[in-house]
């Protein structure tokens, strides 16, 4: 997939997010149990109950407060009536992001019939589009790494395996540093977590596990609303680019494993069935000596193959007398 195709797909994805957030916000505000969200903090629940002891708190109200701590919502009552629930639009937008990327923190969940049905339909449409887009971006980023690898291999043609291993190591180390360690430092400052918790959160997020025990940008009371929205946008970019980089790394690892499998199969074909069966019995009888014999024969065959290839390149039409070992009938035609 070309970048010209990916760009419109990305804009469709963004529009899908904003539209989904509006639908989800509308459904949940209409039918959701009234309340405003607070932290999952048992101490806050105890303080809230203690302040209402003089008004004879009933058992049902205590249970309601405990349930509020579990669900993250704090019921309020004004003159015997409950206040209307209001969901922030960018909370709904961030929920849609974590939903269709399959992260699924669980800090916001649908509690209405309409919201649950919407999530089912939204998942069927959004998750495949997101996975296709992330996979395509990951492959394009992997193509960039392969282009660099080919440039290096032209200058060092004798070490293709080592070059691939080194480039893959560089990509992995750089990706981990930029998308795991650097954000972890930022989260320690912004969210107030320790470094281990921040690094844990980065891994859980970009691996799409999404336990939900740590969720960034849940509250914005301590900052301006503009800063709150900007922070969510930055988080969105980090998640999308990070998931694309992870997809690119997986694509490169799969390609390296396929190349390793091809080389192993090629080396195994150099051993004839008769030789292999005979040498396996030698391994059984003589232990390490038989295994060494297999290695010696493999090296010998590979050396002869390289010699035949070198001679065939120097002589466009070599005859039997100019074959690699100088014996009639020993020439093997090369396929170009």
Protein backbone atom coordinates (compact mmCIF):
# COMPACT_ATOMS: atom_id res chain seq x y z
CA UNK A 1 0.00 0.00 0.00
CA UNK A 2 1.41 3.38 -1.04
CA UNK A 3 1.61 6.49 1.11
CA UNK A 4 -0.88 8.18 -1.23
CA UNK A 5 -3.38 5.48 -0.30
CA UNK A 6 -2.49 5.49 3.39
CA UNK A 7 -3.04 9.22 3.83
CA UNK A 8 -6.75 9.19 2.86
CA UNK A 9 -7.20 6.06 4.97
CA UNK A 10 -5.72 7.90 7.96
CA UNK A 11 -8.11 10.84 7.51
CA UNK A 12 -11.03 8.44 7.28
CA UNK A 13 -9.80 6.86 10.51
CA UNK A 14 -9.66 10.26 12.26
CA UNK A 15 -13.17 11.15 11.07
CA UNK A 16 -14.37 7.74 12.25
CA UNK A 17 -12.95 8.49 15.71
CA UNK A 18 -14.64 11.88 16.05
CA UNK A 19 -17.94 10.57 14.77
CA UNK A 20 -17.79 7.57 17.10
CA UNK A 21 -17.00 9.79 20.08
CA UNK A 22 -20.02 11.96 19.37
CA UNK A 23 -22.33 8.92 19.09
CA UNK A 24 -20.97 7.32 22.25
CA UNK A 25 -21.18 10.58 24.22
CA UNK A 26 -24.79 11.13 23.14
CA UNK A 27 -25.87 7.61 24.03
CA UNK A 28 -24.16 7.49 27.41
CA UNK A 29 -25.29 10.95 28.48
CA UNK A 30 -28.88 10.09 27.68
CA UNK A 31 -29.08 6.78 29.51
CA UNK A 32 -26.10 6.53 31.86
CA UNK A 33 -26.62 6.38 35.62
CA UNK A 34 -26.20 9.99 36.84
CA UNK A 35 -22.93 10.91 38.52
CA UNK A 36 -19.50 12.42 38.03
CA UNK A 37 -16.26 10.44 37.87
CA UNK A 38 -13.73 10.37 40.74
CA UNK A 39 -10.56 8.38 41.37
CA UNK A 40 -10.70 4.79 42.54
CA UNK A 41 -9.64 5.88 46.00
CA UNK A 42 -11.00 4.13 49.08
CA UNK A 43 -9.91 7.02 51.31
CA UNK A 44 -12.09 9.43 49.33
CA UNK A 45 -15.06 7.12 49.80
CA UNK A 46 -14.50 6.94 53.56
CA UNK A 47 -14.21 10.74 53.82
CA UNK A 48 -17.39 11.19 51.80
CA UNK A 49 -19.28 8.81 54.10
CA UNK A 50 -17.86 10.40 57.25
CA UNK A 51 -19.07 13.84 56.22
CA UNK A 52 -22.62 12.51 56.00
CA UNK A 53 -22.70 10.51 59.25
CA UNK A 54 -24.84 13.16 61.03
CA UNK A 55 -27.51 12.80 58.37
CA UNK A 56 -28.01 9.12 59.14
CA UNK A 57 -26.44 7.48 56.12
CA UNK A 58 -28.45 4.43 55.16
CA UNK A 59 -27.01 1.06 54.27
CA UNK A 60 -28.07 1.51 50.65
CA UNK A 61 -26.14 4.79 50.42
CA UNK A 62 -23.01 3.16 51.87
CA UNK A 63 -23.29 0.37 49.31
CA UNK A 64 -23.81 2.99 46.60
CA UNK A 65 -20.57 4.73 47.61
CA UNK A 66 -18.67 1.43 47.56
CA UNK A 67 -20.07 0.62 44.14
CA UNK A 68 -19.09 4.13 43.05
CA UNK A 69 -15.48 3.43 43.99
CA UNK A 70 -15.53 0.25 41.91
CA UNK A 71 -17.01 1.83 38.80
CA UNK A 72 -15.23 5.16 39.15
CA UNK A 73 -18.42 7.22 39.52
CA UNK A 74 -19.52 9.24 42.55
CA UNK A 75 -23.31 9.65 42.92
CA UNK A 76 -24.48 13.10 43.92
CA UNK A 77 -27.83 14.16 45.28
CA UNK A 78 -29.27 17.66 45.37
CA UNK A 79 -32.59 18.10 47.22
CA UNK A 80 -33.44 14.45 46.74
CA UNK A 81 -32.83 14.46 42.97
CA UNK A 82 -29.77 13.27 41.09
CA UNK A 83 -27.75 15.55 38.86
CA UNK A 84 -27.55 14.97 35.12
CA UNK A 85 -24.50 13.02 33.98
CA UNK A 86 -22.13 14.81 31.61
CA UNK A 87 -19.39 13.00 29.69
CA UNK A 88 -16.56 15.08 28.32
CA UNK A 89 -16.31 14.80 24.54
CA UNK A 90 -12.56 14.14 24.58
CA UNK A 91 -13.07 11.44 27.21
CA UNK A 92 -15.39 9.74 24.73
CA UNK A 93 -12.88 10.38 21.93
CA UNK A 94 -10.05 8.83 23.94
CA UNK A 95 -12.31 5.89 24.77
CA UNK A 96 -12.87 5.29 21.05
CA UNK A 97 -9.10 5.37 20.46
CA UNK A 98 -8.38 2.78 23.11
CA UNK A 99 -11.35 0.73 21.92
CA UNK A 100 -10.60 0.31 18.21
CA UNK A 101 -6.86 -0.10 18.83
CA UNK A 102 -7.83 -3.05 21.11
CA UNK A 103 -6.02 -1.49 24.10
CA UNK A 104 -9.22 -1.30 26.13
CA UNK A 105 -8.20 0.25 29.46
CA UNK A 106 -11.68 -0.13 30.87
CA UNK A 107 -11.72 3.21 32.70
CA UNK A 108 -14.82 4.09 30.67
CA UNK A 109 -17.26 1.37 29.71
CA UNK A 110 -20.75 1.44 28.19
CA UNK A 111 -23.54 0.96 30.73
CA UNK A 112 -26.50 1.41 28.42
CA UNK A 113 -28.22 -0.80 25.88
CA UNK A 114 -27.56 1.75 23.13
CA UNK A 115 -23.90 2.15 24.15
CA UNK A 116 -23.28 -1.60 24.18
CA UNK A 117 -24.91 -2.11 20.78
CA UNK A 118 -22.95 0.82 19.42
CA UNK A 119 -19.66 -0.69 20.67
CA UNK A 120 -20.41 -3.97 18.90
CA UNK A 121 -21.07 -2.26 15.55
CA UNK A 122 -18.18 0.16 16.06
CA UNK A 123 -15.80 -2.74 16.76
CA UNK A 124 -16.81 -4.61 13.59
CA UNK A 125 -16.09 -1.53 11.48
CA UNK A 126 -13.25 0.16 13.33
CA UNK A 127 -10.94 -2.62 14.49
CA UNK A 128 -10.28 -4.13 11.00
CA UNK A 129 -9.66 -0.67 9.51
CA UNK A 130 -7.27 0.19 12.35
CA UNK A 131 -5.33 -3.06 12.06
CA UNK A 132 -5.04 -2.72 8.28
CA UNK A 133 -3.81 0.85 8.61
CA UNK A 134 -1.27 0.06 11.36
CA UNK A 135 0.02 -2.99 9.49
CA UNK A 136 0.41 -1.00 6.26
CA UNK A 137 2.25 1.82 8.03
CA UNK A 138 4.47 -0.72 9.79
CA UNK A 139 5.42 -2.31 6.48
CA UNK A 140 6.24 1.05 4.92
CA UNK A 141 8.48 1.86 7.88
CA UNK A 142 10.05 -1.58 7.50
CA UNK A 143 10.70 -0.82 3.82
CA UNK A 144 12.71 2.22 4.90
CA UNK A 145 14.89 0.01 7.09
CA UNK A 146 15.30 -2.50 4.25
CA UNK A 147 16.36 0.30 1.90
CA UNK A 148 19.08 1.36 4.34
CA UNK A 149 20.11 -2.27 4.75
CA UNK A 150 20.55 -2.72 0.99
CA UNK A 151 22.71 0.40 0.79
CA UNK A 152 24.99 -0.98 3.48
CA UNK A 153 25.10 -4.44 1.87
CA UNK A 154 26.35 -2.92 -1.39
CA UNK A 155 29.39 -1.62 0.45
CA UNK A 156 29.82 -4.77 2.57
CA UNK A 157 28.54 -7.60 0.35
CA UNK A 158 30.28 -10.38 2.29
CA UNK A 159 28.32 -9.93 5.53
CA UNK A 160 24.58 -9.93 4.70
CA UNK A 161 23.55 -11.87 7.82
CA UNK A 162 25.53 -9.70 10.19
CA UNK A 163 24.27 -6.51 8.57
CA UNK A 164 20.65 -7.64 8.96
CA UNK A 165 21.21 -8.56 12.61
CA UNK A 166 22.87 -5.23 13.38
CA UNK A 167 20.22 -3.15 11.63
CA UNK A 168 17.44 -5.07 13.38
CA UNK A 169 19.16 -4.55 16.74
CA UNK A 170 19.50 -0.81 16.05
CA UNK A 171 15.81 -0.53 15.14
CA UNK A 172 14.71 -2.39 18.27
CA UNK A 173 16.94 -0.43 20.64
CA UNK A 174 15.98 2.91 19.08
CA UNK A 175 12.26 2.09 19.16
CA UNK A 176 12.38 0.98 22.80
CA UNK A 177 14.26 4.12 23.77
CA UNK A 178 12.00 6.57 21.93
CA UNK A 179 8.60 4.99 22.56
CA UNK A 180 9.10 3.36 25.96
CA UNK A 181 11.82 5.00 28.04
CA UNK A 182 11.35 8.61 26.94
CA UNK A 183 7.53 8.56 27.46
CA UNK A 184 8.06 6.82 30.80
CA UNK A 185 10.17 9.78 31.95
CA UNK A 186 7.45 12.19 30.79
CA UNK A 187 4.74 10.24 32.62
CA UNK A 188 6.73 10.37 35.86
CA UNK A 189 6.61 14.16 35.61
CA UNK A 190 3.07 14.67 34.32
CA UNK A 191 1.20 11.83 36.03
CA UNK A 192 3.30 11.62 39.19
CA UNK A 193 4.01 7.89 38.81
CA UNK A 194 7.36 6.32 39.58
CA UNK A 195 9.54 5.31 36.65
CA UNK A 196 8.79 1.59 36.88
CA UNK A 197 5.02 2.19 36.85
CA UNK A 198 5.42 4.58 33.91
CA UNK A 199 7.51 2.09 31.95
CA UNK A 200 5.00 -0.63 32.80
CA UNK A 201 2.17 1.59 31.53
CA UNK A 202 4.02 2.21 28.24
CA UNK A 203 4.51 -1.51 27.67
CA UNK A 204 0.93 -2.43 28.60
CA UNK A 205 -0.38 0.27 26.24
CA UNK A 206 1.77 -0.38 23.15
CA UNK A 207 1.40 -4.13 23.51
CA UNK A 208 -2.40 -3.51 23.48
CA UNK A 209 -2.81 -5.52 26.69
CA UNK A 210 -4.41 -2.52 28.43
CA UNK A 211 -5.06 -3.74 31.98
CA UNK A 212 -6.39 -0.33 33.01
CA UNK A 213 -4.68 -0.20 36.41
CA UNK A 214 -2.79 2.85 35.10
CA UNK A 215 -4.50 5.26 32.71
CA UNK A 216 -3.04 8.60 31.72
CA UNK A 217 -5.04 11.80 31.24
CA UNK A 218 -8.14 10.74 33.16
CA UNK A 219 -8.57 14.02 35.05
CA UNK A 220 -7.91 17.60 34.06
CA UNK A 221 -8.99 19.54 37.16
CA UNK A 222 -5.38 20.48 37.92
CA UNK A 223 -4.76 21.98 34.47
CA UNK A 224 -6.53 24.09 31.90
CA UNK A 225 -8.96 22.46 29.54
CA UNK A 226 -6.78 23.38 26.56
CA UNK A 227 -3.83 21.64 28.19
CA UNK A 228 -6.03 18.64 28.89
CA UNK A 229 -7.09 18.37 25.23
CA UNK A 230 -3.54 18.93 23.98
CA UNK A 231 -2.28 16.19 26.29
CA UNK A 232 -4.87 13.75 24.90
CA UNK A 233 -3.89 14.61 21.33
CA UNK A 234 -0.22 13.99 22.15
CA UNK A 235 -1.16 10.68 23.75
CA UNK A 236 -3.10 9.77 20.62
CA UNK A 237 -0.07 10.48 18.40
CA UNK A 238 2.20 8.49 20.73
CA UNK A 239 -0.15 5.50 20.69
CA UNK A 240 -0.65 5.49 16.92
CA UNK A 241 3.02 6.02 16.00
CA UNK A 242 4.13 3.60 18.71
CA UNK A 243 1.79 0.86 17.50
CA UNK A 244 3.03 1.43 13.93
CA UNK A 245 6.66 1.13 15.04
CA UNK A 246 5.88 -2.05 16.96
CA UNK A 247 4.21 -3.44 13.81
CA UNK A 248 7.30 -2.50 11.78
CA UNK A 249 9.62 -4.25 14.24
CA UNK A 250 7.45 -7.40 14.13
CA UNK A 251 7.50 -7.28 10.32
CA UNK A 252 11.32 -7.10 10.29
CA UNK A 253 11.63 -9.93 12.80
CA UNK A 254 9.31 -12.13 10.73
CA UNK A 255 11.35 -11.39 7.60
CA UNK A 256 14.59 -12.24 9.42
CA UNK A 257 13.11 -15.54 10.61
CA UNK A 258 11.93 -16.36 7.08
CA UNK A 259 15.44 -15.67 5.77
CA UNK A 260 16.94 -17.90 8.46
CA UNK A 261 14.53 -20.69 7.56
CA UNK A 262 15.45 -20.35 3.87
CA UNK A 263 19.17 -20.59 4.62
CA UNK A 264 18.66 -23.64 6.82
CA UNK A 265 16.60 -25.38 4.12
CA UNK A 266 19.24 -24.54 1.49
CA UNK A 267 22.01 -26.01 3.62
CA UNK A 268 19.99 -29.13 4.33
CA UNK A 269 19.45 -29.70 0.59
CA UNK A 270 23.22 -29.80 0.12
CA UNK A 271 23.29 -33.04 2.04
CA UNK A 272 22.14 -36.06 0.04
CA UNK A 273 19.74 -38.47 1.64
CA UNK A 274 22.27 -41.32 1.60
CA UNK A 275 25.03 -39.27 3.20
CA UNK A 276 22.65 -37.87 5.79
CA UNK A 277 21.32 -41.31 6.77
CA UNK A 278 24.83 -42.73 6.97
CA UNK A 279 26.10 -39.85 9.06
CA UNK A 280 23.15 -39.97 11.42
CA UNK A 281 24.09 -43.55 12.21
CA UNK A 282 27.67 -42.37 12.72
CA UNK A 283 26.43 -39.77 15.18
CA UNK A 284 24.57 -42.48 17.05
CA UNK A 285 27.67 -44.71 17.15
CA UNK A 286 30.46 -42.18 17.62
CA UNK A 287 28.75 -39.21 19.21
CA UNK A 288 30.52 -35.91 18.52
CA UNK A 289 32.75 -37.37 15.79
CA UNK A 290 29.78 -38.18 13.58
CA UNK A 291 28.35 -34.72 14.10
CA UNK A 292 31.70 -33.22 13.16
CA UNK A 293 31.66 -35.29 9.99
CA UNK A 294 28.30 -33.79 9.00
CA UNK A 295 29.72 -30.32 9.55
CA UNK A 296 32.85 -31.09 7.46
CA UNK A 297 30.82 -32.45 4.53
CA UNK A 298 28.48 -29.47 4.65
CA UNK A 299 31.41 -27.04 4.55
CA UNK A 300 33.03 -28.99 1.71
CA UNK A 301 29.88 -28.94 -0.41
CA UNK A 302 29.35 -25.24 0.21
CA UNK A 303 32.98 -24.56 -0.78
CA UNK A 304 32.58 -26.49 -4.04
CA UNK A 305 29.34 -24.67 -4.78
CA UNK A 306 31.04 -21.28 -4.33
CA UNK A 307 33.91 -22.41 -6.58
CA UNK A 308 31.52 -23.50 -9.34
CA UNK A 309 29.64 -20.22 -9.08
CA UNK A 310 32.86 -18.19 -9.32
CA UNK A 311 34.11 -20.08 -12.39
CA UNK A 312 30.76 -19.89 -14.17
CA UNK A 313 30.71 -16.13 -13.73
CA UNK A 314 34.21 -15.76 -15.23
CA UNK A 315 33.43 -18.06 -18.15
CA UNK A 316 30.12 -17.37 -19.79
CA UNK A 317 30.15 -20.71 -21.67
CA UNK A 318 32.48 -23.06 -19.84
CA UNK A 319 32.81 -26.58 -21.15
CA UNK A 320 33.36 -29.75 -19.23
CA UNK A 321 37.14 -29.37 -19.25
CA UNK A 322 36.96 -26.01 -17.43
CA UNK A 323 34.56 -27.14 -14.71
CA UNK A 324 35.28 -26.51 -11.05
CA UNK A 325 37.11 -29.74 -10.30
CA UNK A 326 38.50 -30.26 -13.83
CA UNK A 327 36.72 -33.60 -14.25
CA UNK A 328 34.54 -34.36 -17.27
CA UNK A 329 30.87 -34.33 -16.44
CA UNK A 330 31.38 -32.40 -13.22
CA UNK A 331 30.02 -29.14 -14.58
CA UNK A 332 26.63 -28.10 -13.23
CA UNK A 333 24.80 -25.46 -15.27
CA UNK A 334 24.01 -22.30 -13.37
CA UNK A 335 20.55 -20.76 -13.47
CA UNK A 336 20.57 -16.99 -14.00
